């Protein structure tokens, strides 16, 4: 659906990913409690610098692999924008919910 070539997003981790060794920011974009697909989801570092972008799946899912630190996840959609902060101190699955509207 996306013309930007972003990897397809989904809720399940790929088989080759060990959440015990990697920092995974896994989340969902919603509006009024409903999933929002097709949102541009951006990962910003602690200084606000753009790091990566993916497009949320039809179910609103997105995922980033990150380094330890403080991150901002920003979702941009035609229905509105939203953002969430996440602190990823070490390996594991870090859930992120971003509401737009």
C-alpha atoms as a PDB file:
ATOM      1  CA  UNK A   1       0.000   0.000   0.000  1.00  0.00           C
ATOM      2  CA  UNK A   2       2.859   2.377   0.744  1.00  0.00           C
ATOM      3  CA  UNK A   3       4.982   3.855  -1.976  1.00  0.00           C
ATOM      4  CA  UNK A   4       7.845   4.719   0.376  1.00  0.00           C
ATOM      5  CA  UNK A   5       9.189   1.163   0.510  1.00  0.00           C
ATOM      6  CA  UNK A   6       8.917   0.862   4.308  1.00  0.00           C
ATOM      7  CA  UNK A   7       8.992  -2.727   5.573  1.00  0.00           C
ATOM      8  CA  UNK A   8       5.634  -4.366   6.196  1.00  0.00           C
ATOM      9  CA  UNK A   9       4.646  -4.092   9.833  1.00  0.00           C
ATOM     10  CA  UNK A  10       2.902  -6.675  11.970  1.00  0.00           C
ATOM     11  CA  UNK A  11       2.411  -7.595  15.586  1.00  0.00           C
ATOM     12  CA  UNK A  12       4.410 -10.871  15.657  1.00  0.00           C
ATOM     13  CA  UNK A  13       8.186 -10.692  15.932  1.00  0.00           C
ATOM     14  CA  UNK A  14      10.113 -12.328  13.095  1.00  0.00           C
ATOM     15  CA  UNK A  15      11.484 -15.765  14.009  1.00  0.00           C
ATOM     16  CA  UNK A  16      15.093 -14.550  13.825  1.00  0.00           C
ATOM     17  CA  UNK A  17      14.597 -11.814  16.460  1.00  0.00           C
ATOM     18  CA  UNK A  18      15.569 -12.545  20.065  1.00  0.00           C
ATOM     19  CA  UNK A  19      13.814  -9.935  22.239  1.00  0.00           C
ATOM     20  CA  UNK A  20      16.127 -10.993  25.065  1.00  0.00           C
ATOM     21  CA  UNK A  21      19.104  -9.578  23.164  1.00  0.00           C
ATOM     22  CA  UNK A  22      17.629  -6.707  21.152  1.00  0.00           C
ATOM     23  CA  UNK A  23      15.647  -3.596  21.997  1.00  0.00           C
ATOM     24  CA  UNK A  24      12.365  -3.786  20.129  1.00  0.00           C
ATOM     25  CA  UNK A  25       9.908  -0.881  20.190  1.00  0.00           C
ATOM     26  CA  UNK A  26       6.625  -2.533  19.259  1.00  0.00           C
ATOM     27  CA  UNK A  27       3.439  -0.552  19.083  1.00  0.00           C
ATOM     28  CA  UNK A  28       0.079   0.382  17.684  1.00  0.00           C
ATOM     29  CA  UNK A  29      -1.365   3.597  16.263  1.00  0.00           C
ATOM     30  CA  UNK A  30      -4.986   4.228  17.240  1.00  0.00           C
ATOM     31  CA  UNK A  31      -7.650   6.898  16.959  1.00  0.00           C
ATOM     32  CA  UNK A  32     -10.641   6.725  19.292  1.00  0.00           C
ATOM     33  CA  UNK A  33      -9.544   3.229  20.277  1.00  0.00           C
ATOM     34  CA  UNK A  34      -9.596   1.977  16.677  1.00  0.00           C
ATOM     35  CA  UNK A  35      -6.412   0.911  14.795  1.00  0.00           C
ATOM     36  CA  UNK A  36      -5.016   3.369  12.269  1.00  0.00           C
ATOM     37  CA  UNK A  37      -3.306   1.898   9.218  1.00  0.00           C
ATOM     38  CA  UNK A  38      -1.183   3.889   6.802  1.00  0.00           C
ATOM     39  CA  UNK A  39       0.218   6.288   9.400  1.00  0.00           C
ATOM     40  CA  UNK A  40       3.818   7.409   8.983  1.00  0.00           C
ATOM     41  CA  UNK A  41       5.488   6.441  12.249  1.00  0.00           C
ATOM     42  CA  UNK A  42       8.786   8.172  12.990  1.00  0.00           C
ATOM     43  CA  UNK A  43      11.426   7.314  15.555  1.00  0.00           C
ATOM     44  CA  UNK A  44      13.230  10.309  17.069  1.00  0.00           C
ATOM     45  CA  UNK A  45      16.214  10.105  19.417  1.00  0.00           C
ATOM     46  CA  UNK A  46      16.558  11.968  22.737  1.00  0.00           C
ATOM     47  CA  UNK A  47      17.606  15.165  20.920  1.00  0.00           C
ATOM     48  CA  UNK A  48      14.607  15.024  18.572  1.00  0.00           C
ATOM     49  CA  UNK A  49      16.738  13.880  15.630  1.00  0.00           C
ATOM     50  CA  UNK A  50      14.941  11.750  13.021  1.00  0.00           C
ATOM     51  CA  UNK A  51      16.227   8.160  13.107  1.00  0.00           C
ATOM     52  CA  UNK A  52      13.792   5.969  11.155  1.00  0.00           C
ATOM     53  CA  UNK A  53      10.306   5.790   9.652  1.00  0.00           C
ATOM     54  CA  UNK A  54       7.852   2.983   8.925  1.00  0.00           C
ATOM     55  CA  UNK A  55       4.205   2.884   7.842  1.00  0.00           C
ATOM     56  CA  UNK A  56       1.720   1.306  10.242  1.00  0.00           C
ATOM     57  CA  UNK A  57      -0.017  -1.868   9.064  1.00  0.00           C
ATOM     58  CA  UNK A  58      -3.766  -2.028   8.463  1.00  0.00           C
ATOM     59  CA  UNK A  59      -4.053  -3.143  12.106  1.00  0.00           C
ATOM     60  CA  UNK A  60      -2.071  -0.054  13.219  1.00  0.00           C
ATOM     61  CA  UNK A  61       1.038  -2.064  14.121  1.00  0.00           C
ATOM     62  CA  UNK A  62       4.616  -0.794  13.848  1.00  0.00           C
ATOM     63  CA  UNK A  63       8.064  -1.873  15.059  1.00  0.00           C
ATOM     64  CA  UNK A  64      11.516  -0.362  15.428  1.00  0.00           C
ATOM     65  CA  UNK A  65      14.815  -1.885  16.522  1.00  0.00           C
ATOM     66  CA  UNK A  66      16.645   0.660  18.660  1.00  0.00           C
ATOM     67  CA  UNK A  67      19.665   1.325  20.823  1.00  0.00           C
ATOM     68  CA  UNK A  68      19.323   1.889  24.583  1.00  0.00           C
ATOM     69  CA  UNK A  69      18.008   5.345  25.458  1.00  0.00           C
ATOM     70  CA  UNK A  70      15.085   7.719  25.457  1.00  0.00           C
ATOM     71  CA  UNK A  71      12.980   7.753  22.287  1.00  0.00           C
ATOM     72  CA  UNK A  72       9.997   9.609  20.877  1.00  0.00           C
ATOM     73  CA  UNK A  73       7.634   7.781  18.543  1.00  0.00           C
ATOM     74  CA  UNK A  74       5.592  10.192  16.414  1.00  0.00           C
ATOM     75  CA  UNK A  75       2.682   9.129  14.193  1.00  0.00           C
ATOM     76  CA  UNK A  76       1.496  11.301  11.305  1.00  0.00           C
ATOM     77  CA  UNK A  77      -1.832  10.538   9.644  1.00  0.00           C
ATOM     78  CA  UNK A  78      -4.418  12.454   7.637  1.00  0.00           C
ATOM     79  CA  UNK A  79      -6.781  12.188  10.654  1.00  0.00           C
ATOM     80  CA  UNK A  80      -4.242  13.753  13.021  1.00  0.00           C
ATOM     81  CA  UNK A  81      -0.883  13.347  14.692  1.00  0.00           C
ATOM     82  CA  UNK A  82       0.300  11.973  18.015  1.00  0.00           C
ATOM     83  CA  UNK A  83       3.408  10.945  19.858  1.00  0.00           C
ATOM     84  CA  UNK A  84       4.610   8.879  22.778  1.00  0.00           C
ATOM     85  CA  UNK A  85       7.838   8.750  24.774  1.00  0.00           C
ATOM     86  CA  UNK A  86       9.552   5.475  25.563  1.00  0.00           C
ATOM     87  CA  UNK A  87      12.544   4.666  27.731  1.00  0.00           C
ATOM     88  CA  UNK A  88      14.401   1.590  26.534  1.00  0.00           C
ATOM     89  CA  UNK A  89      17.141   0.881  29.066  1.00  0.00           C
ATOM     90  CA  UNK A  90      17.955  -2.590  27.840  1.00  0.00           C
ATOM     91  CA  UNK A  91      16.956  -5.556  25.690  1.00  0.00           C
ATOM     92  CA  UNK A  92      13.344  -6.603  25.524  1.00  0.00           C
ATOM     93  CA  UNK A  93      10.017  -5.836  23.964  1.00  0.00           C
ATOM     94  CA  UNK A  94       8.977  -2.269  24.777  1.00  0.00           C
ATOM     95  CA  UNK A  95       5.293  -1.615  23.995  1.00  0.00           C
ATOM     96  CA  UNK A  96       4.357   1.810  22.640  1.00  0.00           C
ATOM     97  CA  UNK A  97       0.822   3.134  22.112  1.00  0.00           C
ATOM     98  CA  UNK A  98       0.358   6.244  19.966  1.00  0.00           C
ATOM     99  CA  UNK A  99      -3.050   7.921  19.685  1.00  0.00           C
ATOM    100  CA  UNK A 100      -3.695  10.277  16.773  1.00  0.00           C
ATOM    101  CA  UNK A 101      -6.560  12.647  16.317  1.00  0.00           C
END
